Amino acid sequence: MKTIRIILFILIIIGLALLATQKIWVPRLVDRIISSENKSNIKQEDPSTLPLPQANISLVDGRQCYTYNHEATKTEPYKVDEFLDITIKGESVIGTKRGTQSGPDLTNGYTGDIVGTLSKDTITSVLSYTVEGSNGKEKEIYREGKTGIDKLRYQLINEKGVLVPDTTKEFKIMHYSRVGCIASN
């Protein structure tokens, strides 16, 4: 009986200490919870229909799906979510890409078709897309990675109506994680 009283007394002291300091730790806890929910970008969907991340990527014949997500930051103020569904057959690559982009002066969705070639561990393709009713084309370069594919994001220049990477400049890597392809993709 004495042990139970001691445990209850300790719990009461801890509770009083937490109550007295709640103005310090509660806002921090709430911020941490909100930021983790924003980062994970969890949707209320049936978990059995969500694509699962996969490792040990190989660009081989067959259908492969990838996702790219980028949260808005001060230097890159646009939130981007993309889904890439490709099929490789020998050196030929075809597929689709769809996504959303939102930021200070922009909110849109886009879809497009991918046609390209595979050489060793690199896909060079042209994305023919439609965004807000306008059509465009962009040449893209992807490389095989450990858990997905990496898009080599160069500055783009316009060459005869096609946005083409300026490979004389430095590039940024945009990592697309491999996910399982499901019928609804």
N, C-alpha and C. Protein backbone atom coordinates (compact mmCIF):
# COMPACT_ATOMS: atom_id res chain seq x y z
N MET A 1 0.82 -1.20 0.00
CA MET A 1 0.00 0.00 0.00
C MET A 1 0.87 1.26 0.00
N LYS A 2 1.96 1.20 0.74
CA LYS A 2 2.85 2.35 0.83
C LYS A 2 3.48 2.64 -0.53
N THR A 3 3.82 1.58 -1.30
CA THR A 3 4.42 1.74 -2.62
C THR A 3 3.46 2.44 -3.58
N ILE A 4 2.19 2.08 -3.52
CA ILE A 4 1.18 2.70 -4.37
C ILE A 4 1.05 4.18 -4.05
N ARG A 5 1.08 4.55 -2.78
CA ARG A 5 0.99 5.96 -2.38
C ARG A 5 2.18 6.75 -2.90
N ILE A 6 3.36 6.12 -2.83
CA ILE A 6 4.57 6.81 -3.30
C ILE A 6 4.47 7.04 -4.82
N ILE A 7 4.04 6.01 -5.55
CA ILE A 7 3.89 6.14 -7.00
C ILE A 7 2.86 7.22 -7.33
N LEU A 8 1.72 7.24 -6.64
CA LEU A 8 0.70 8.25 -6.88
C LEU A 8 1.22 9.65 -6.54
N PHE A 9 1.98 9.76 -5.47
CA PHE A 9 2.56 11.05 -5.08
C PHE A 9 3.51 11.56 -6.17
N ILE A 10 4.35 10.65 -6.70
CA ILE A 10 5.28 11.04 -7.77
C ILE A 10 4.52 11.47 -9.01
N LEU A 11 3.46 10.73 -9.37
CA LEU A 11 2.66 11.10 -10.53
C LEU A 11 1.98 12.45 -10.34
N ILE A 12 1.52 12.74 -9.13
CA ILE A 12 0.90 14.04 -8.84
C ILE A 12 1.93 15.16 -9.01
N ILE A 13 3.14 14.95 -8.52
CA ILE A 13 4.19 15.96 -8.66
C ILE A 13 4.53 16.19 -10.13
N ILE A 14 4.64 15.10 -10.90
CA ILE A 14 4.93 15.23 -12.33
C ILE A 14 3.79 15.99 -13.02
N GLY A 15 2.55 15.65 -12.69
CA GLY A 15 1.39 16.33 -13.27
C GLY A 15 1.39 17.81 -12.96
N LEU A 16 1.69 18.16 -11.70
CA LEU A 16 1.74 19.58 -11.33
C LEU A 16 2.87 20.31 -12.06
N ALA A 17 4.01 19.64 -12.23
CA ALA A 17 5.13 20.26 -12.95
C ALA A 17 4.74 20.49 -14.42
N LEU A 18 4.10 19.50 -15.04
CA LEU A 18 3.66 19.66 -16.42
C LEU A 18 2.61 20.76 -16.55
N LEU A 19 1.70 20.83 -15.59
CA LEU A 19 0.67 21.86 -15.60
C LEU A 19 1.29 23.26 -15.47
N ALA A 20 2.29 23.38 -14.59
CA ALA A 20 2.93 24.68 -14.35
C ALA A 20 3.75 25.14 -15.56
N THR A 21 4.27 24.19 -16.34
CA THR A 21 5.14 24.55 -17.47
C THR A 21 4.46 24.38 -18.82
N GLN A 22 3.14 24.22 -18.85
CA GLN A 22 2.45 23.93 -20.11
C GLN A 22 2.59 25.03 -21.15
N LYS A 23 2.74 26.28 -20.72
CA LYS A 23 2.88 27.37 -21.68
C LYS A 23 4.19 27.27 -22.47
N ILE A 24 5.13 26.51 -21.95
CA ILE A 24 6.41 26.33 -22.63
C ILE A 24 6.37 25.14 -23.57
N TRP A 25 5.93 23.99 -23.08
CA TRP A 25 6.05 22.77 -23.88
C TRP A 25 4.86 22.47 -24.79
N VAL A 26 3.67 22.94 -24.48
CA VAL A 26 2.52 22.63 -25.32
C VAL A 26 2.64 23.26 -26.72
N PRO A 27 2.97 24.56 -26.85
CA PRO A 27 3.10 25.12 -28.20
C PRO A 27 4.18 24.41 -29.03
N ARG A 28 5.29 24.03 -28.39
CA ARG A 28 6.35 23.31 -29.11
C ARG A 28 5.86 21.95 -29.57
N LEU A 29 5.14 21.27 -28.72
CA LEU A 29 4.60 19.95 -29.07
C LEU A 29 3.61 20.06 -30.23
N VAL A 30 2.72 21.05 -30.16
CA VAL A 30 1.74 21.25 -31.23
C VAL A 30 2.44 21.59 -32.54
N ASP A 31 3.45 22.46 -32.52
CA ASP A 31 4.20 22.79 -33.73
C ASP A 31 4.87 21.55 -34.33
N ARG A 32 5.45 20.73 -33.47
CA ARG A 32 6.12 19.52 -33.95
C ARG A 32 5.11 18.56 -34.59
N ILE A 33 3.96 18.41 -33.99
CA ILE A 33 2.93 17.52 -34.53
C ILE A 33 2.44 18.05 -35.88
N ILE A 34 2.17 19.34 -35.96
CA ILE A 34 1.67 19.92 -37.21
C ILE A 34 2.71 19.82 -38.30
N SER A 35 3.97 20.11 -37.99
CA SER A 35 5.01 20.04 -39.02
C SER A 35 5.23 18.61 -39.48
N SER A 36 5.13 17.63 -38.58
CA SER A 36 5.30 16.24 -39.02
C SER A 36 4.12 15.80 -39.88
N GLU A 37 2.92 16.29 -39.61
CA GLU A 37 1.78 15.95 -40.45
C GLU A 37 1.91 16.58 -41.83
N ASN A 38 2.41 17.82 -41.89
CA ASN A 38 2.60 18.48 -43.18
C ASN A 38 3.67 17.78 -44.00
N LYS A 39 4.76 17.34 -43.35
CA LYS A 39 5.85 16.69 -44.06
C LYS A 39 5.43 15.33 -44.60
N SER A 40 4.69 14.60 -43.82
CA SER A 40 4.31 13.26 -44.28
C SER A 40 3.21 13.31 -45.31
N ASN A 41 2.47 14.41 -45.39
CA ASN A 41 1.46 14.59 -46.43
C ASN A 41 0.49 13.41 -46.50
N ILE A 42 0.02 12.98 -45.33
CA ILE A 42 -0.84 11.81 -45.24
C ILE A 42 -2.22 12.16 -45.76
N LYS A 43 -2.76 11.29 -46.61
CA LYS A 43 -4.10 11.46 -47.13
C LYS A 43 -4.99 10.41 -46.50
N GLN A 44 -6.26 10.72 -46.36
CA GLN A 44 -7.21 9.77 -45.80
C GLN A 44 -7.65 8.82 -46.90
N GLU A 45 -6.83 7.82 -47.18
CA GLU A 45 -7.14 6.85 -48.20
C GLU A 45 -7.01 5.46 -47.60
N ASP A 46 -7.59 4.50 -48.26
CA ASP A 46 -7.47 3.12 -47.86
C ASP A 46 -6.01 2.71 -48.01
N PRO A 47 -5.32 2.30 -46.92
CA PRO A 47 -3.90 1.96 -47.01
C PRO A 47 -3.59 0.86 -48.02
N SER A 48 -4.53 -0.01 -48.29
CA SER A 48 -4.26 -1.10 -49.24
C SER A 48 -4.17 -0.59 -50.67
N THR A 49 -4.62 0.64 -50.95
CA THR A 49 -4.55 1.18 -52.31
C THR A 49 -3.36 2.10 -52.52
N LEU A 50 -2.62 2.40 -51.45
CA LEU A 50 -1.48 3.30 -51.59
C LEU A 50 -0.27 2.56 -52.14
N PRO A 51 0.52 3.19 -53.03
CA PRO A 51 1.74 2.57 -53.53
C PRO A 51 2.76 2.45 -52.39
N LEU A 52 3.51 1.36 -52.38
CA LEU A 52 4.51 1.14 -51.34
C LEU A 52 5.90 1.46 -51.87
N PRO A 53 6.75 2.17 -51.06
CA PRO A 53 8.11 2.45 -51.49
C PRO A 53 8.89 1.15 -51.73
N GLN A 54 9.79 1.17 -52.71
CA GLN A 54 10.59 0.00 -53.01
C GLN A 54 12.05 0.41 -53.08
N ALA A 55 12.94 -0.53 -52.85
CA ALA A 55 14.37 -0.26 -52.88
C ALA A 55 15.04 -1.07 -53.99
N ASN A 56 16.37 -0.93 -54.13
CA ASN A 56 17.15 -1.65 -55.11
C ASN A 56 16.60 -1.46 -56.52
N ILE A 57 16.72 -0.27 -57.02
CA ILE A 57 16.13 0.11 -58.30
C ILE A 57 17.02 -0.35 -59.45
N SER A 58 16.36 -0.85 -60.47
CA SER A 58 17.02 -1.21 -61.71
C SER A 58 16.12 -0.78 -62.85
N LEU A 59 16.66 -0.07 -63.79
CA LEU A 59 15.88 0.34 -64.95
C LEU A 59 15.90 -0.82 -65.95
N VAL A 60 14.92 -1.71 -65.81
CA VAL A 60 14.81 -2.89 -66.65
C VAL A 60 13.45 -2.91 -67.31
N ASP A 61 13.27 -3.80 -68.25
CA ASP A 61 12.00 -3.92 -68.95
C ASP A 61 10.84 -4.09 -67.96
N GLY A 62 9.74 -3.40 -68.26
CA GLY A 62 8.54 -3.51 -67.45
C GLY A 62 8.05 -2.15 -66.98
N ARG A 63 6.96 -2.20 -66.26
CA ARG A 63 6.32 -0.98 -65.74
C ARG A 63 6.95 -0.61 -64.41
N GLN A 64 7.22 0.69 -64.23
CA GLN A 64 7.79 1.21 -62.98
C GLN A 64 7.11 2.53 -62.65
N CYS A 65 6.86 2.76 -61.35
CA CYS A 65 6.20 3.99 -60.91
C CYS A 65 7.05 4.68 -59.85
N TYR A 66 7.00 6.02 -59.88
CA TYR A 66 7.82 6.84 -59.00
C TYR A 66 7.02 8.06 -58.52
N THR A 67 7.35 8.57 -57.35
CA THR A 67 6.74 9.80 -56.85
C THR A 67 7.83 10.79 -56.45
N TYR A 68 7.49 12.06 -56.60
CA TYR A 68 8.35 13.15 -56.15
C TYR A 68 7.49 14.12 -55.36
N ASN A 69 7.98 14.50 -54.18
CA ASN A 69 7.27 15.45 -53.33
C ASN A 69 8.26 16.48 -52.83
N HIS A 70 7.85 17.74 -52.90
CA HIS A 70 8.70 18.83 -52.40
C HIS A 70 7.82 19.82 -51.65
N GLU A 71 8.14 20.04 -50.40
CA GLU A 71 7.42 21.04 -49.61
C GLU A 71 7.97 22.42 -49.93
N ALA A 72 7.14 23.42 -49.84
CA ALA A 72 7.56 24.80 -50.09
C ALA A 72 8.56 25.25 -49.03
N THR A 73 9.56 25.99 -49.46
CA THR A 73 10.55 26.58 -48.55
C THR A 73 10.70 28.06 -48.89
N LYS A 74 11.50 28.77 -48.12
CA LYS A 74 11.72 30.20 -48.41
C LYS A 74 12.41 30.39 -49.76
N THR A 75 13.38 29.52 -50.08
CA THR A 75 14.11 29.68 -51.33
C THR A 75 13.40 29.03 -52.51
N GLU A 76 12.56 28.03 -52.25
CA GLU A 76 11.77 27.37 -53.30
C GLU A 76 10.32 27.33 -52.82
N PRO A 77 9.56 28.41 -53.05
CA PRO A 77 8.24 28.57 -52.42
C PRO A 77 7.10 27.78 -53.05
N TYR A 78 7.41 26.74 -53.82
CA TYR A 78 6.36 25.96 -54.46
C TYR A 78 6.32 24.54 -53.91
N LYS A 79 5.13 24.11 -53.55
CA LYS A 79 4.90 22.72 -53.13
C LYS A 79 4.61 21.92 -54.39
N VAL A 80 5.31 20.81 -54.56
CA VAL A 80 5.17 20.01 -55.77
C VAL A 80 4.94 18.55 -55.38
N ASP A 81 3.97 17.91 -56.03
CA ASP A 81 3.71 16.48 -55.91
C ASP A 81 3.58 15.93 -57.32
N GLU A 82 4.40 14.94 -57.66
CA GLU A 82 4.36 14.35 -59.00
C GLU A 82 4.29 12.84 -58.92
N PHE A 83 3.67 12.25 -59.93
CA PHE A 83 3.61 10.80 -60.07
C PHE A 83 4.04 10.44 -61.48
N LEU A 84 5.02 9.56 -61.59
CA LEU A 84 5.61 9.16 -62.85
C LEU A 84 5.35 7.66 -63.05
N ASP A 85 4.74 7.30 -64.16
CA ASP A 85 4.40 5.90 -64.48
C ASP A 85 5.01 5.60 -65.84
N ILE A 86 6.09 4.79 -65.85
CA ILE A 86 6.79 4.52 -67.11
C ILE A 86 6.83 3.02 -67.40
N THR A 87 6.98 2.71 -68.67
CA THR A 87 7.19 1.34 -69.10
C THR A 87 8.43 1.33 -69.97
N ILE A 88 9.35 0.43 -69.62
CA ILE A 88 10.61 0.29 -70.36
C ILE A 88 10.54 -0.99 -71.18
N LYS A 89 10.90 -0.86 -72.45
CA LYS A 89 10.98 -2.03 -73.34
C LYS A 89 12.24 -1.86 -74.18
N GLY A 90 13.28 -2.59 -73.78
CA GLY A 90 14.58 -2.44 -74.43
C GLY A 90 15.12 -1.05 -74.15
N GLU A 91 15.38 -0.29 -75.20
CA GLU A 91 15.87 1.08 -75.05
C GLU A 91 14.75 2.10 -75.09
N SER A 92 13.52 1.64 -75.29
CA SER A 92 12.37 2.54 -75.42
C SER A 92 11.70 2.77 -74.05
N VAL A 93 11.34 4.02 -73.79
CA VAL A 93 10.65 4.38 -72.55
C VAL A 93 9.41 5.20 -72.93
N ILE A 94 8.26 4.78 -72.43
CA ILE A 94 7.03 5.54 -72.61
C ILE A 94 6.32 5.61 -71.27
N GLY A 95 5.46 6.59 -71.10
CA GLY A 95 4.72 6.68 -69.84
C GLY A 95 3.95 7.97 -69.71
N THR A 96 3.54 8.21 -68.48
CA THR A 96 2.79 9.42 -68.16
C THR A 96 3.36 10.06 -66.89
N LYS A 97 3.11 11.34 -66.80
CA LYS A 97 3.52 12.10 -65.61
C LYS A 97 2.37 13.03 -65.27
N ARG A 98 2.01 13.08 -64.01
CA ARG A 98 0.99 14.03 -63.58
C ARG A 98 1.43 14.61 -62.25
N GLY A 99 0.93 15.81 -61.98
CA GLY A 99 1.34 16.43 -60.74
C GLY A 99 0.54 17.66 -60.41
N THR A 100 0.86 18.22 -59.26
CA THR A 100 0.29 19.49 -58.83
C THR A 100 1.42 20.36 -58.34
N GLN A 101 1.22 21.64 -58.47
CA GLN A 101 2.20 22.63 -58.05
C GLN A 101 1.44 23.81 -57.47
N SER A 102 1.84 24.25 -56.30
CA SER A 102 1.18 25.42 -55.71
C SER A 102 2.20 26.28 -55.01
N GLY A 103 1.98 27.58 -55.08
CA GLY A 103 2.89 28.54 -54.48
C GLY A 103 2.25 29.90 -54.40
N PRO A 104 3.05 30.93 -54.16
CA PRO A 104 2.53 32.28 -53.94
C PRO A 104 1.63 32.81 -55.06
N ASP A 105 1.96 32.52 -56.31
CA ASP A 105 1.20 33.08 -57.42
C ASP A 105 0.71 32.00 -58.38
N LEU A 106 0.64 30.75 -57.89
CA LEU A 106 0.37 29.66 -58.81
C LEU A 106 -0.24 28.48 -58.07
N THR A 107 -1.28 27.92 -58.64
CA THR A 107 -1.84 26.65 -58.19
C THR A 107 -2.35 25.95 -59.44
N ASN A 108 -1.76 24.82 -59.77
CA ASN A 108 -2.22 24.13 -60.97
C ASN A 108 -1.95 22.64 -60.90
N GLY A 109 -2.59 21.95 -61.79
CA GLY A 109 -2.32 20.54 -62.00
C GLY A 109 -1.84 20.37 -63.42
N TYR A 110 -1.08 19.34 -63.68
CA TYR A 110 -0.58 19.12 -65.02
C TYR A 110 -0.50 17.63 -65.29
N THR A 111 -0.62 17.28 -66.55
CA THR A 111 -0.50 15.89 -67.00
C THR A 111 0.31 15.89 -68.28
N GLY A 112 0.95 14.77 -68.55
CA GLY A 112 1.71 14.70 -69.77
C GLY A 112 2.12 13.29 -70.13
N ASP A 113 2.56 13.14 -71.37
CA ASP A 113 3.05 11.87 -71.89
C ASP A 113 4.56 11.94 -72.03
N ILE A 114 5.21 10.81 -71.72
CA ILE A 114 6.66 10.72 -71.78
C ILE A 114 7.05 9.75 -72.89
N VAL A 115 7.98 10.18 -73.73
CA VAL A 115 8.55 9.32 -74.76
C VAL A 115 10.06 9.53 -74.71
N GLY A 116 10.81 8.42 -74.58
CA GLY A 116 12.25 8.59 -74.48
C GLY A 116 13.02 7.32 -74.72
N THR A 117 14.31 7.40 -74.37
CA THR A 117 15.20 6.26 -74.54
C THR A 117 15.97 6.00 -73.26
N LEU A 118 16.37 4.74 -73.09
CA LEU A 118 17.19 4.32 -71.96
C LEU A 118 18.56 3.94 -72.50
N SER A 119 19.60 4.52 -71.92
CA SER A 119 20.97 4.16 -72.28
C SER A 119 21.73 3.94 -70.98
N LYS A 120 22.12 2.70 -70.74
CA LYS A 120 22.78 2.28 -69.48
C LYS A 120 21.86 2.61 -68.32
N ASP A 121 22.21 3.57 -67.48
CA ASP A 121 21.39 3.91 -66.30
C ASP A 121 20.71 5.27 -66.43
N THR A 122 20.58 5.78 -67.66
CA THR A 122 20.03 7.12 -67.86
C THR A 122 18.87 7.10 -68.86
N ILE A 123 17.78 7.76 -68.46
CA ILE A 123 16.64 7.94 -69.34
C ILE A 123 16.66 9.39 -69.84
N THR A 124 16.60 9.55 -71.16
CA THR A 124 16.45 10.87 -71.77
C THR A 124 15.09 10.86 -72.46
N SER A 125 14.23 11.78 -72.06
CA SER A 125 12.86 11.74 -72.58
C SER A 125 12.35 13.15 -72.86
N VAL A 126 11.23 13.18 -73.57
CA VAL A 126 10.52 14.44 -73.79
C VAL A 126 9.15 14.28 -73.14
N LEU A 127 8.81 15.21 -72.27
CA LEU A 127 7.50 15.26 -71.62
C LEU A 127 6.64 16.25 -72.41
N SER A 128 5.57 15.75 -72.99
CA SER A 128 4.59 16.61 -73.67
C SER A 128 3.45 16.80 -72.71
N TYR A 129 3.29 18.02 -72.18
CA TYR A 129 2.36 18.24 -71.07
C TYR A 129 1.31 19.28 -71.38
N THR A 130 0.26 19.25 -70.56
CA THR A 130 -0.77 20.26 -70.60
C THR A 130 -0.90 20.82 -69.18
N VAL A 131 -0.79 22.15 -69.07
CA VAL A 131 -0.96 22.81 -67.79
C VAL A 131 -1.87 24.01 -68.01
N GLU A 132 -2.93 24.08 -67.24
CA GLU A 132 -3.92 25.16 -67.34
C GLU A 132 -4.35 25.40 -68.79
N GLY A 133 -4.57 24.31 -69.53
CA GLY A 133 -5.05 24.42 -70.90
C GLY A 133 -3.99 24.71 -71.94
N SER A 134 -2.76 24.96 -71.52
CA SER A 134 -1.67 25.23 -72.46
C SER A 134 -0.79 24.00 -72.62
N ASN A 135 -0.33 23.77 -73.84
CA ASN A 135 0.54 22.64 -74.13
C ASN A 135 1.99 23.08 -74.17
N GLY A 136 2.87 22.17 -73.79
CA GLY A 136 4.30 22.45 -73.85
C GLY A 136 5.08 21.16 -73.91
N LYS A 137 6.39 21.29 -74.14
CA LYS A 137 7.28 20.13 -74.19
C LYS A 137 8.55 20.46 -73.42
N GLU A 138 9.04 19.46 -72.69
CA GLU A 138 10.27 19.64 -71.93
C GLU A 138 11.10 18.38 -72.01
N LYS A 139 12.36 18.55 -72.35
CA LYS A 139 13.29 17.42 -72.37
C LYS A 139 13.74 17.19 -70.93
N GLU A 140 13.72 15.91 -70.50
CA GLU A 140 14.09 15.56 -69.12
C GLU A 140 15.16 14.47 -69.12
N ILE A 141 15.99 14.50 -68.09
CA ILE A 141 17.05 13.50 -67.93
C ILE A 141 16.92 12.89 -66.54
N TYR A 142 16.81 11.56 -66.49
CA TYR A 142 16.71 10.82 -65.22
C TYR A 142 17.85 9.79 -65.16
N ARG A 143 18.36 9.59 -63.92
CA ARG A 143 19.38 8.57 -63.69
C ARG A 143 18.90 7.58 -62.65
N GLU A 144 19.30 6.35 -62.79
CA GLU A 144 19.00 5.30 -61.82
C GLU A 144 19.63 5.65 -60.48
N GLY A 145 18.88 5.45 -59.38
CA GLY A 145 19.40 5.68 -58.04
C GLY A 145 19.16 4.46 -57.17
N LYS A 146 19.53 4.54 -55.90
CA LYS A 146 19.38 3.39 -55.00
C LYS A 146 17.92 3.11 -54.64
N THR A 147 17.13 4.13 -54.43
CA THR A 147 15.73 3.93 -54.01
C THR A 147 14.75 4.55 -54.99
N GLY A 148 15.22 4.90 -56.17
CA GLY A 148 14.34 5.52 -57.15
C GLY A 148 15.16 6.01 -58.32
N ILE A 149 14.67 7.05 -58.95
CA ILE A 149 15.42 7.69 -60.03
C ILE A 149 15.62 9.15 -59.69
N ASP A 150 16.71 9.71 -60.16
CA ASP A 150 17.03 11.10 -59.90
C ASP A 150 16.89 11.90 -61.19
N LYS A 151 16.06 12.95 -61.13
CA LYS A 151 15.95 13.85 -62.28
C LYS A 151 17.07 14.87 -62.16
N LEU A 152 17.81 15.06 -63.24
CA LEU A 152 18.85 16.07 -63.28
C LEU A 152 18.19 17.35 -63.75
N ARG A 153 17.92 18.25 -62.82
CA ARG A 153 17.15 19.46 -63.10
C ARG A 153 18.10 20.60 -63.43
N TYR A 154 18.28 20.84 -64.73
CA TYR A 154 19.11 21.94 -65.21
C TYR A 154 18.24 23.17 -65.44
N GLN A 155 18.88 24.32 -65.61
CA GLN A 155 18.15 25.47 -66.12
C GLN A 155 17.65 25.09 -67.50
N LEU A 156 16.49 25.61 -67.87
CA LEU A 156 15.92 25.27 -69.17
C LEU A 156 16.07 26.42 -70.15
N ILE A 157 16.31 26.07 -71.41
CA ILE A 157 16.35 27.06 -72.48
C ILE A 157 15.36 26.61 -73.56
N ASN A 158 14.81 27.56 -74.28
CA ASN A 158 13.83 27.25 -75.30
C ASN A 158 14.54 27.00 -76.63
N GLU A 159 14.33 25.79 -77.17
CA GLU A 159 14.88 25.45 -78.47
C GLU A 159 13.75 25.00 -79.37
N LYS A 160 13.33 25.87 -80.25
CA LYS A 160 12.28 25.56 -81.22
C LYS A 160 11.01 25.03 -80.55
N GLY A 161 10.59 25.71 -79.47
CA GLY A 161 9.34 25.36 -78.80
C GLY A 161 9.45 24.25 -77.78
N VAL A 162 10.65 23.72 -77.55
CA VAL A 162 10.86 22.68 -76.55
C VAL A 162 11.81 23.23 -75.49
N LEU A 163 11.43 23.09 -74.21
CA LEU A 163 12.32 23.49 -73.12
C LEU A 163 13.38 22.40 -72.96
N VAL A 164 14.64 22.78 -73.11
CA VAL A 164 15.75 21.83 -73.13
C VAL A 164 16.72 22.16 -72.00
N PRO A 165 17.24 21.14 -71.30
CA PRO A 165 18.22 21.40 -70.23
C PRO A 165 19.49 22.04 -70.79
N ASP A 166 19.95 23.07 -70.11
CA ASP A 166 21.22 23.71 -70.46
C ASP A 166 22.32 22.96 -69.70
N THR A 167 22.87 21.93 -70.33
CA THR A 167 23.83 21.05 -69.66
C THR A 167 25.19 21.71 -69.43
N THR A 168 25.35 22.97 -69.86
CA THR A 168 26.58 23.69 -69.55
C THR A 168 26.52 24.28 -68.15
N LYS A 169 25.33 24.27 -67.55
CA LYS A 169 25.13 24.82 -66.21
C LYS A 169 25.10 23.68 -65.19
N GLU A 170 25.13 24.04 -63.92
CA GLU A 170 25.01 23.05 -62.86
C GLU A 170 23.56 22.58 -62.76
N PHE A 171 23.36 21.40 -62.20
CA PHE A 171 22.02 20.87 -62.05
C PHE A 171 21.72 20.55 -60.59
N LYS A 172 20.43 20.46 -60.31
CA LYS A 172 19.93 20.07 -59.00
C LYS A 172 19.34 18.67 -59.15
N ILE A 173 19.49 17.83 -58.15
CA ILE A 173 18.93 16.49 -58.20
C ILE A 173 17.56 16.50 -57.54
N MET A 174 16.57 16.00 -58.26
CA MET A 174 15.22 15.83 -57.74
C MET A 174 14.99 14.32 -57.63
N HIS A 175 14.86 13.79 -56.42
CA HIS A 175 14.76 12.35 -56.21
C HIS A 175 13.30 11.88 -56.30
N TYR A 176 13.05 10.94 -57.18
CA TYR A 176 11.75 10.30 -57.33
C TYR A 176 11.84 8.92 -56.69
N SER A 177 11.04 8.68 -55.65
CA SER A 177 11.04 7.40 -54.96
C SER A 177 10.23 6.38 -55.72
N ARG A 178 10.75 5.16 -55.77
CA ARG A 178 10.03 4.08 -56.45
C ARG A 178 8.87 3.63 -55.59
N VAL A 179 7.72 3.47 -56.20
CA VAL A 179 6.54 2.95 -55.51
C VAL A 179 5.95 1.85 -56.38
N GLY A 180 5.14 1.03 -55.76
CA GLY A 180 4.47 -0.01 -56.50
C GLY A 180 3.43 0.57 -57.43
N CYS A 181 3.33 0.01 -58.62
CA CYS A 181 2.29 0.43 -59.55
C CYS A 181 1.04 -0.38 -59.23
N ILE A 182 -0.07 0.32 -59.09
CA ILE A 182 -1.35 -0.36 -58.87
C ILE A 182 -2.29 0.02 -59.99
N ALA A 183 -3.34 -0.71 -60.14
CA ALA A 183 -4.26 -0.51 -61.27
C ALA A 183 -4.73 0.92 -61.40
N SER A 184 -5.01 1.60 -60.26
CA SER A 184 -5.54 2.96 -60.33
C SER A 184 -4.51 4.00 -60.70
N ASN A 185 -3.20 3.60 -60.73
CA ASN A 185 -2.19 4.57 -61.17
C ASN A 185 -2.38 4.85 -62.63
